[in-house]
C-alpha atoms as a PDB file:
ATOM      1  CA  MET A   1       0.000   0.000   0.000  1.00  0.00           C
ATOM      2  CA  THR A   2       1.440   3.325  -1.037  1.00  0.00           C
ATOM      3  CA  ALA A   3       1.075   6.637   0.762  1.00  0.00           C
ATOM      4  CA  THR A   4      -1.505   7.739  -1.849  1.00  0.00           C
ATOM      5  CA  ASP A   5      -3.658   4.654  -1.172  1.00  0.00           C
ATOM      6  CA  PHE A   6      -3.404   5.248   2.556  1.00  0.00           C
ATOM      7  CA  ALA A   7      -4.467   8.897   2.162  1.00  0.00           C
ATOM      8  CA  ALA A   8      -7.388   7.817  -0.035  1.00  0.00           C
ATOM      9  CA  TRP A   9      -8.590   5.366   2.624  1.00  0.00           C
ATOM     10  CA  ILE A  10      -8.312   8.018   5.344  1.00  0.00           C
ATOM     11  CA  GLY A  11     -10.319  10.461   3.208  1.00  0.00           C
ATOM     12  CA  ALA A  12     -12.990   7.875   2.410  1.00  0.00           C
ATOM     13  CA  LEU A  13     -13.393   6.835   6.053  1.00  0.00           C
ATOM     14  CA  SER A  14     -13.495  10.387   7.408  1.00  0.00           C
ATOM     15  CA  GLY A  15     -15.994  11.447   4.729  1.00  0.00           C
ATOM     16  CA  SER A  16     -18.240   8.477   5.518  1.00  0.00           C
ATOM     17  CA  ALA A  17     -18.009   9.200   9.248  1.00  0.00           C
ATOM     18  CA  ALA A  18     -18.967  12.844   8.644  1.00  0.00           C
ATOM     19  CA  LEU A  19     -21.976  11.775   6.555  1.00  0.00           C
ATOM     20  CA  ILE A  20     -23.159   9.328   9.245  1.00  0.00           C
ATOM     21  CA  TRP A  21     -22.727  12.013  11.926  1.00  0.00           C
ATOM     22  CA  ASP A  22     -24.794  14.517   9.905  1.00  0.00           C
ATOM     23  CA  ILE A  23     -27.577  11.941   9.448  1.00  0.00           C
ATOM     24  CA  PHE A  24     -27.548  11.251  13.196  1.00  0.00           C
ATOM     25  CA  LYS A  25     -27.738  14.990  13.998  1.00  0.00           C
ATOM     26  CA  TYR A  26     -30.625  15.429  11.548  1.00  0.00           C
ATOM     27  CA  PHE A  27     -32.745  12.792  13.292  1.00  0.00           C
ATOM     28  CA  GLN A  28     -31.878  14.083  16.787  1.00  0.00           C
ATOM     29  CA  LYS A  29     -32.757  17.743  16.233  1.00  0.00           C
ATOM     30  CA  GLY A  30     -36.061  19.259  17.300  1.00  0.00           C
ATOM     31  CA  PRO A  31     -38.107  18.534  20.405  1.00  0.00           C
ATOM     32  CA  ARG A  32     -37.949  15.060  21.929  1.00  0.00           C
ATOM     33  CA  ILE A  33     -40.896  14.480  24.222  1.00  0.00           C
ATOM     34  CA  CYS A  34     -40.883  12.074  27.179  1.00  0.00           C
ATOM     35  CA  VAL A  35     -44.198  11.392  28.958  1.00  0.00           C
ATOM     36  CA  MET A  36     -44.513   9.892  32.442  1.00  0.00           C
ATOM     37  CA  VAL A  37     -47.996   9.075  33.765  1.00  0.00           C
ATOM     38  CA  SER A  38     -48.490   8.190  37.436  1.00  0.00           C
ATOM     39  CA  PRO A  39     -51.882   6.815  38.537  1.00  0.00           C
ATOM     40  CA  ASN A  40     -53.164   6.453  42.111  1.00  0.00           C
ATOM     41  CA  MET A  41     -51.718   9.764  43.305  1.00  0.00           C
ATOM     42  CA  ILE A  42     -53.108  10.978  46.623  1.00  0.00           C
ATOM     43  CA  ALA A  43     -52.536  14.551  47.783  1.00  0.00           C
ATOM     44  CA  TYR A  44     -51.160  15.302  51.235  1.00  0.00           C
ATOM     45  CA  GLY A  45     -49.973  18.338  53.142  1.00  0.00           C
ATOM     46  CA  ALA A  46     -50.901  21.813  51.909  1.00  0.00           C
ATOM     47  CA  PHE A  47     -51.861  20.400  48.512  1.00  0.00           C
ATOM     48  CA  ALA A  48     -54.559  18.117  49.969  1.00  0.00           C
ATOM     49  CA  HIS A  49     -57.132  20.857  50.521  1.00  0.00           C
ATOM     50  CA  LEU A  50     -57.074  21.714  46.801  1.00  0.00           C
ATOM     51  CA  VAL A  51     -58.117  18.282  45.513  1.00  0.00           C
ATOM     52  CA  GLY A  52     -59.720  16.789  48.607  1.00  0.00           C
ATOM     53  CA  ASP A  53     -59.624  13.027  48.954  1.00  0.00           C
ATOM     54  CA  LYS A  54     -59.923  12.330  45.227  1.00  0.00           C
ATOM     55  CA  VAL A  55     -57.363  10.042  43.616  1.00  0.00           C
ATOM     56  CA  GLN A  56     -55.460  11.740  40.777  1.00  0.00           C
ATOM     57  CA  ILE A  57     -53.453  10.772  37.718  1.00  0.00           C
ATOM     58  CA  ALA A  58     -50.331  12.929  37.379  1.00  0.00           C
ATOM     59  CA  PHE A  59     -48.674  13.746  34.051  1.00  0.00           C
ATOM     60  CA  THR A  60     -45.064  14.865  33.629  1.00  0.00           C
ATOM     61  CA  VAL A  61     -43.975  15.856  30.121  1.00  0.00           C
ATOM     62  CA  THR A  62     -40.299  16.631  29.505  1.00  0.00           C
ATOM     63  CA  ASN A  63     -38.766  18.196  26.397  1.00  0.00           C
ATOM     64  CA  ASN A  64     -35.338  16.547  26.001  1.00  0.00           C
ATOM     65  CA  GLY A  65     -34.727  18.066  22.578  1.00  0.00           C
ATOM     66  CA  ASP A  66     -33.140  21.266  21.342  1.00  0.00           C
ATOM     67  CA  ALA A  67     -36.261  23.143  20.163  1.00  0.00           C
ATOM     68  CA  ALA A  68     -39.403  24.399  21.875  1.00  0.00           C
ATOM     69  CA  THR A  69     -42.838  22.882  21.371  1.00  0.00           C
ATOM     70  CA  THR A  70     -46.351  23.486  22.686  1.00  0.00           C
ATOM     71  CA  VAL A  71     -48.351  20.947  24.689  1.00  0.00           C
ATOM     72  CA  THR A  72     -51.849  21.283  23.230  1.00  0.00           C
ATOM     73  CA  HIS A  73     -54.030  18.406  24.504  1.00  0.00           C
ATOM     74  CA  LEU A  74     -54.154  15.801  27.248  1.00  0.00           C
ATOM     75  CA  ILE A  75     -55.416  12.606  25.582  1.00  0.00           C
ATOM     76  CA  GLY A  76     -55.994   8.907  26.055  1.00  0.00           C
ATOM     77  CA  PHE A  77     -56.669   5.798  24.001  1.00  0.00           C
ATOM     78  CA  HIS A  78     -58.185   2.486  25.058  1.00  0.00           C
ATOM     79  CA  TYR A  79     -57.586  -0.727  23.137  1.00  0.00           C
ATOM     80  CA  LYS A  80     -59.411  -3.960  23.999  1.00  0.00           C
ATOM     81  CA  SER A  81     -56.371  -6.105  23.254  1.00  0.00           C
ATOM     82  CA  TRP A  82     -52.802  -6.174  22.031  1.00  0.00           C
ATOM     83  CA  PHE A  83     -54.106  -7.200  18.611  1.00  0.00           C
ATOM     84  CA  ALA A  84     -56.367  -4.152  18.396  1.00  0.00           C
ATOM     85  CA  GLN A  85     -53.468  -1.893  19.312  1.00  0.00           C
ATOM     86  CA  ARG A  86     -50.649  -3.310  17.186  1.00  0.00           C
ATOM     87  CA  ILE A  87     -52.440  -4.776  14.169  1.00  0.00           C
ATOM     88  CA  ARG A  88     -55.658  -2.780  13.751  1.00  0.00           C
ATOM     89  CA  ARG A  89     -54.181   0.432  15.229  1.00  0.00           C
ATOM     90  CA  LYS A  90     -57.693   1.610  15.934  1.00  0.00           C
ATOM     91  CA  PRO A  91     -58.628   2.525  19.522  1.00  0.00           C
ATOM     92  CA  ASP A  92     -61.943   1.348  20.917  1.00  0.00           C
ATOM     93  CA  GLN A  93     -62.293   4.616  22.789  1.00  0.00           C
ATOM     94  CA  SER A  94     -60.520   7.978  22.583  1.00  0.00           C
ATOM     95  CA  LEU A  95     -60.365  10.419  25.483  1.00  0.00           C
ATOM     96  CA  VAL A  96     -59.478  14.094  25.807  1.00  0.00           C
ATOM     97  CA  ALA A  97     -59.183  16.194  28.979  1.00  0.00           C
ATOM     98  CA  GLN A  98     -60.340  19.723  28.262  1.00  0.00           C
ATOM     99  CA  HIS A  99     -58.975  21.372  31.410  1.00  0.00           C
ATOM    100  CA  PRO A 100     -56.362  19.441  33.370  1.00  0.00           C
ATOM    101  CA  GLN A 101     -56.001  20.460  37.004  1.00  0.00           C
ATOM    102  CA  PHE A 102     -53.211  22.841  38.057  1.00  0.00           C
ATOM    103  CA  ALA A 103     -51.916  23.309  34.496  1.00  0.00           C
ATOM    104  CA  ASP A 104     -52.751  25.515  31.552  1.00  0.00           C
ATOM    105  CA  LEU A 105     -53.158  24.245  28.015  1.00  0.00           C
ATOM    106  CA  PRO A 106     -51.801  25.121  25.553  1.00  0.00           C
ATOM    107  CA  SER A 107     -48.423  25.534  27.227  1.00  0.00           C
ATOM    108  CA  VAL A 108     -45.051  26.269  25.605  1.00  0.00           C
ATOM    109  CA  LEU A 109     -42.379  23.751  26.579  1.00  0.00           C
ATOM    110  CA  ALA A 110     -38.830  25.012  26.014  1.00  0.00           C
ATOM    111  CA  PRO A 111     -35.852  22.621  25.756  1.00  0.00           C
ATOM    112  CA  GLY A 112     -35.072  21.055  29.121  1.00  0.00           C
ATOM    113  CA  GLU A 113     -38.370  22.121  30.720  1.00  0.00           C
ATOM    114  CA  GLN A 114     -41.166  20.045  32.238  1.00  0.00           C
ATOM    115  CA  TRP A 115     -44.934  20.450  32.111  1.00  0.00           C
ATOM    116  CA  ARG A 116     -46.984  18.924  34.898  1.00  0.00           C
ATOM    117  CA  GLY A 117     -50.707  18.392  35.077  1.00  0.00           C
ATOM    118  CA  MET A 118     -53.239  16.233  36.832  1.00  0.00           C
ATOM    119  CA  THR A 119     -56.651  14.808  36.155  1.00  0.00           C
ATOM    120  CA  GLU A 120     -59.062  12.955  38.393  1.00  0.00           C
ATOM    121  CA  GLN A 121     -58.796   9.171  38.358  1.00  0.00           C
ATOM    122  CA  THR A 122     -62.381   8.197  37.654  1.00  0.00           C
ATOM    123  CA  ASP A 123     -63.976   4.771  37.913  1.00  0.00           C
ATOM    124  CA  GLU A 124     -64.284   4.809  34.111  1.00  0.00           C
ATOM    125  CA  LEU A 125     -60.491   5.100  33.719  1.00  0.00           C
ATOM    126  CA  VAL A 126     -59.962   2.279  36.216  1.00  0.00           C
ATOM    127  CA  THR A 127     -62.388   0.078  34.265  1.00  0.00           C
ATOM    128  CA  LEU A 128     -60.682   0.884  30.963  1.00  0.00           C
ATOM    129  CA  SER A 129     -57.278   0.094  32.452  1.00  0.00           C
ATOM    130  CA  ASN A 130     -58.439  -3.249  33.855  1.00  0.00           C
ATOM    131  CA  ASN A 131     -60.332  -4.280  30.688  1.00  0.00           C
ATOM    132  CA  GLY A 132     -57.711  -3.765  28.033  1.00  0.00           C
ATOM    133  CA  ARG A 133     -54.791  -1.461  27.369  1.00  0.00           C
ATOM    134  CA  LEU A 134     -55.085   2.185  28.450  1.00  0.00           C
ATOM    135  CA  TYR A 135     -52.626   4.760  27.126  1.00  0.00           C
ATOM    136  CA  LEU A 136     -52.578   8.374  28.349  1.00  0.00           C
ATOM    137  CA  GLY A 137     -50.404  11.201  27.111  1.00  0.00           C
ATOM    138  CA  VAL A 138     -50.215  14.483  25.241  1.00  0.00           C
ATOM    139  CA  LEU A 139     -50.351  16.008  21.796  1.00  0.00           C
ATOM    140  CA  VAL A 140     -47.751  18.626  20.906  1.00  0.00           C
ATOM    141  CA  SER A 141     -47.706  21.203  18.135  1.00  0.00           C
ATOM    142  CA  THR A 142     -44.521  19.953  16.439  1.00  0.00           C
ATOM    143  CA  SER A 143     -45.603  16.337  15.918  1.00  0.00           C
ATOM    144  CA  LYS A 144     -48.511  14.560  14.263  1.00  0.00           C
ATOM    145  CA  LYS A 145     -48.242  11.543  16.554  1.00  0.00           C
ATOM    146  CA  ALA A 146     -49.409  11.265  20.135  1.00  0.00           C
ATOM    147  CA  HIS A 147     -46.822  10.878  22.896  1.00  0.00           C
ATOM    148  CA  LEU A 148     -48.295   8.177  25.119  1.00  0.00           C
ATOM    149  CA  SER A 149     -47.515   6.068  28.143  1.00  0.00           C
ATOM    150  CA  ARG A 150     -49.344   2.878  29.114  1.00  0.00           C
ATOM    151  CA  VAL A 151     -51.248   3.159  32.382  1.00  0.00           C
ATOM    152  CA  VAL A 152     -52.099   0.196  34.593  1.00  0.00           C
ATOM    153  CA  ILE A 153     -54.304   1.130  37.541  1.00  0.00           C
ATOM    154  CA  HIS A 154     -54.264  -1.557  40.231  1.00  0.00           C
ATOM    155  CA  ALA A 155     -56.573   0.001  42.833  1.00  0.00           C
ATOM    156  CA  ALA A 156     -60.015   1.454  42.167  1.00  0.00           C
ATOM    157  CA  SER A 157     -59.609   4.133  44.824  1.00  0.00           C
ATOM    158  CA  GLY A 158     -57.109   5.562  47.244  1.00  0.00           C
ATOM    159  CA  ASP A 159     -58.761   3.728  50.163  1.00  0.00           C
ATOM    160  CA  SER A 160     -56.956   0.455  49.462  1.00  0.00           C
ATOM    161  CA  PHE A 161     -53.633   2.291  49.241  1.00  0.00           C
ATOM    162  CA  LEU A 162     -54.235   4.213  52.455  1.00  0.00           C
ATOM    163  CA  ASN A 163     -55.348   1.094  54.345  1.00  0.00           C
ATOM    164  CA  SER A 164     -52.335  -0.920  53.170  1.00  0.00           C
ATOM    165  CA  ARG A 165     -49.842   1.413  54.848  1.00  0.00           C
ATOM    166  CA  THR A 166     -48.681   0.766  58.380  1.00  0.00           C
ATOM    167  CA  ASP A 167     -47.815   3.252  61.068  1.00  0.00           C
ATOM    168  CA  ARG A 168     -44.668   1.405  62.046  1.00  0.00           C
ATOM    169  CA  GLY A 169     -41.450   3.228  61.322  1.00  0.00           C
ATOM    170  CA  PRO A 170     -38.042   1.629  60.821  1.00  0.00           C
ATOM    171  CA  ASP A 171     -37.410   1.594  64.584  1.00  0.00           C
ATOM    172  CA  ASN A 172     -40.688  -0.175  65.428  1.00  0.00           C
ATOM    173  CA  ALA A 173     -40.557  -2.907  62.798  1.00  0.00           C
END
């Protein structure tokens, strides 16, 4: 191998690496939305008087990208089975929350910021979760697809959670 061949190989490899890096950067730019949904949330302390004894579902939406977006809707989809979700791609029921608690919609979400909202955990949502696959999430202005998280609700109300706790601390165990 001559010096010219070696230089040609170096040029070809570095050019290919630069092209792959540009493709990677292209697909990583823009907002990247992460949704976390937490069912069975019970308020305590100073926050408890605002929601009373109602069980809530909390939403946390994080923008991990490099561009701002706007959270426009709080939504949900119910599928009766895995087949209906993956093959048919048609939900049996679609849900939308017009006014989530303690959050304004629409809301601009800058890079690195979080949006938090809550909605009441109704018996209907518990039934949907136990009789199929329930997905809750958000719609944002920069994407046509919904950003969803699967929700499995184990208890129908906060009473079973509250009654399952013990008053024993680590010293009294």
